[in-house]
Amino acid sequence: MRLPKLLAAAILLSSVPVAAAPFQSARTLDGADFNSKGEVTVVHYWATWCVPCRIEMPVLDSFYRKHHRQGLAMIAISIDDSASTAKLKQVTSRFAFPVARVDDVKIPHRDIPAAIPETRVYDRTGRLVFQSKADGKTTVDAATLERVVDPLLAH
């Protein structure tokens, strides 16, 4: 009896369409639409008050600068309610990747991480392939990004 139910569940799950992006839409701090369709995408959730987030940002920036011409898209999404747009722009001004406020990203509430920093990597079809441990202290390093993202960029 369990096997038919499992088989039916597997068929149902395999027929669910894969998302074309990690979220439906996003508007950056500069007012531009963020579109990563067809690109490997790194999404970093952060806040100005989060020390591990701010440690991780330069690592992400370096990786983005090295790989963006190979089809890498990246966006940092601030969950910071109290920071002004001017403050967010000032904190992120030296980074090459775009930044958005979580309120300017159309994403289901359940997909917003409960703890930060959190970095997610999506393949070119929008399938989540990596998610960092969002425990308030673990950061993603360059070696992890190379291990996870480089093979995706090669395809």
Protein backbone atom coordinates (compact mmCIF):
# COMPACT_ATOMS: atom_id res chain seq x y z
CA MET A 1 0.00 0.00 0.00
CA ARG A 2 2.82 2.46 0.77
CA LEU A 3 4.55 1.94 -2.57
CA PRO A 4 1.63 3.22 -4.72
CA LYS A 5 1.32 6.32 -2.50
CA LEU A 6 5.05 7.00 -2.73
CA LEU A 7 4.99 6.48 -6.49
CA ALA A 8 2.04 8.86 -6.86
CA ALA A 9 3.81 11.46 -4.72
CA ALA A 10 6.98 11.14 -6.80
CA ILE A 11 5.03 11.59 -10.03
CA LEU A 12 3.24 14.62 -8.62
CA LEU A 13 6.46 16.23 -7.40
CA SER A 14 8.25 15.61 -10.69
CA SER A 15 5.47 17.39 -12.57
CA VAL A 16 5.79 20.60 -10.53
CA PRO A 17 7.42 23.23 -12.75
CA VAL A 18 10.83 24.51 -11.72
CA ALA A 19 10.93 28.21 -10.91
CA ALA A 20 12.61 30.41 -13.51
CA ALA A 21 14.18 32.58 -10.80
CA PRO A 22 14.80 32.54 -7.06
CA PHE A 23 11.92 35.03 -6.68
CA GLN A 24 9.26 36.54 -8.91
CA SER A 25 10.76 40.04 -9.13
CA ALA A 26 13.10 42.42 -7.37
CA ARG A 27 13.80 46.14 -7.59
CA THR A 28 17.28 47.27 -6.55
CA LEU A 29 18.10 50.31 -4.42
CA ASP A 30 18.80 52.18 -7.67
CA GLY A 31 15.28 51.40 -8.91
CA ALA A 32 16.39 48.89 -11.55
CA ASP A 33 14.66 45.56 -12.07
CA PHE A 34 16.86 42.60 -11.15
CA ASN A 35 16.60 39.82 -13.72
CA SER A 36 18.71 36.69 -13.41
CA LYS A 37 16.80 34.48 -15.83
CA GLY A 38 19.14 31.96 -17.41
CA GLU A 39 22.04 32.83 -15.09
CA VAL A 40 23.53 31.12 -12.08
CA THR A 41 22.29 33.30 -9.23
CA VAL A 42 23.65 33.98 -5.75
CA VAL A 43 21.20 35.58 -3.32
CA HIS A 44 22.63 36.89 -0.05
CA TYR A 45 20.28 37.86 2.79
CA TRP A 46 21.84 40.36 5.19
CA ALA A 47 21.37 43.44 7.38
CA THR A 48 23.57 46.40 8.30
CA TRP A 49 23.66 45.37 11.97
CA CYS A 50 24.77 41.79 11.17
CA VAL A 51 28.55 41.51 11.65
CA PRO A 52 28.92 38.10 9.91
CA CYS A 53 26.93 39.49 6.96
CA ARG A 54 29.31 42.41 6.58
CA ILE A 55 32.29 40.03 6.77
CA GLU A 56 30.79 37.92 3.99
CA MET A 57 29.96 40.80 1.61
CA PRO A 58 33.55 41.48 0.41
CA VAL A 59 34.02 37.75 -0.28
CA LEU A 60 30.84 37.73 -2.36
CA ASP A 61 31.90 40.91 -4.15
CA SER A 62 35.28 39.47 -5.09
CA PHE A 63 33.65 36.29 -6.38
CA TYR A 64 31.07 38.28 -8.35
CA ARG A 65 33.69 40.51 -9.97
CA LYS A 66 35.67 37.43 -11.01
CA HIS A 67 32.71 35.48 -12.46
CA HIS A 68 29.90 37.81 -13.54
CA ARG A 69 30.96 37.72 -17.20
CA GLN A 70 30.55 33.94 -17.13
CA GLY A 71 26.83 34.18 -16.43
CA LEU A 72 26.78 34.83 -12.69
CA ALA A 73 24.09 37.08 -11.24
CA MET A 74 24.17 38.17 -7.61
CA ILE A 75 21.97 40.26 -5.37
CA ALA A 76 22.15 41.13 -1.69
CA ILE A 77 18.74 41.46 -0.07
CA SER A 78 18.62 43.55 3.08
CA ILE A 79 16.11 42.50 5.70
CA ASP A 80 17.02 45.63 7.66
CA ASP A 81 13.80 47.52 8.47
CA SER A 82 15.50 50.40 10.22
CA ALA A 83 18.21 51.36 7.71
CA SER A 84 17.46 54.16 5.28
CA THR A 85 18.09 53.72 1.57
CA ALA A 86 20.96 56.22 1.92
CA LYS A 87 22.52 54.09 4.67
CA LEU A 88 22.18 50.90 2.62
CA LYS A 89 23.74 52.58 -0.41
CA GLN A 90 26.59 53.95 1.73
CA VAL A 91 27.33 50.55 3.30
CA THR A 92 27.28 48.75 -0.06
CA SER A 93 28.75 51.43 -2.33
CA ARG A 94 32.00 49.60 -2.99
CA PHE A 95 30.30 46.38 -4.08
CA ALA A 96 29.68 45.61 -7.76
CA PHE A 97 26.54 43.51 -7.26
CA PRO A 98 23.09 45.05 -6.82
CA VAL A 99 21.32 45.41 -3.49
CA ALA A 100 17.59 45.39 -2.73
CA ARG A 101 15.37 45.77 0.31
CA VAL A 102 13.34 42.68 1.16
CA ASP A 103 10.19 44.82 0.79
CA ASP A 104 11.13 45.39 -2.87
CA VAL A 105 11.43 41.67 -3.62
CA LYS A 106 8.37 39.66 -4.53
CA ILE A 107 9.01 36.50 -2.56
CA PRO A 108 6.79 34.30 -0.40
CA HIS A 109 7.19 35.26 3.26
CA ARG A 110 8.11 31.65 4.11
CA ASP A 111 11.20 31.96 1.87
CA ILE A 112 12.67 34.88 3.83
CA PRO A 113 15.28 33.43 6.18
CA ALA A 114 14.64 33.53 9.92
CA ALA A 115 18.35 34.03 10.66
CA ILE A 116 21.12 35.75 8.73
CA PRO A 117 23.47 35.74 7.00
CA GLU A 118 22.09 33.28 4.52
CA THR A 119 23.41 32.75 1.03
CA ARG A 120 21.55 30.72 -1.58
CA VAL A 121 22.78 29.56 -4.96
CA TYR A 122 20.41 28.79 -7.83
CA ASP A 123 21.30 27.09 -11.10
CA ARG A 124 20.40 28.52 -14.52
CA THR A 125 16.88 27.05 -14.29
CA GLY A 126 16.19 28.67 -10.91
CA ARG A 127 16.61 25.45 -8.90
CA LEU A 128 18.06 25.93 -5.42
CA VAL A 129 21.35 23.99 -5.28
CA PHE A 130 22.98 25.41 -2.15
CA GLN A 131 21.88 27.17 1.00
CA SER A 132 24.28 28.26 3.72
CA LYS A 133 23.66 27.54 7.37
CA ALA A 134 21.68 30.52 8.65
CA ASP A 135 22.72 30.45 12.28
CA GLY A 136 23.78 34.05 12.80
CA LYS A 137 27.50 33.31 12.68
CA THR A 138 28.44 31.02 9.77
CA THR A 139 29.65 32.77 6.62
CA VAL A 140 30.28 31.52 3.10
CA ASP A 141 33.91 31.54 2.04
CA ALA A 142 35.52 31.75 -1.41
CA ALA A 143 36.35 28.03 -1.45
CA THR A 144 32.69 27.10 -0.92
CA LEU A 145 31.57 29.47 -3.65
CA GLU A 146 34.15 28.01 -6.05
CA ARG A 147 33.09 24.44 -5.20
CA VAL A 148 29.37 25.14 -5.60
CA VAL A 149 29.18 27.81 -8.31
CA ASP A 150 32.03 27.03 -10.70
CA PRO A 151 30.53 23.74 -11.97
CA LEU A 152 27.19 25.51 -12.56
CA LEU A 153 28.88 28.22 -14.60
CA ALA A 154 30.56 25.57 -16.75
CA HIS A 155 27.18 24.30 -17.98
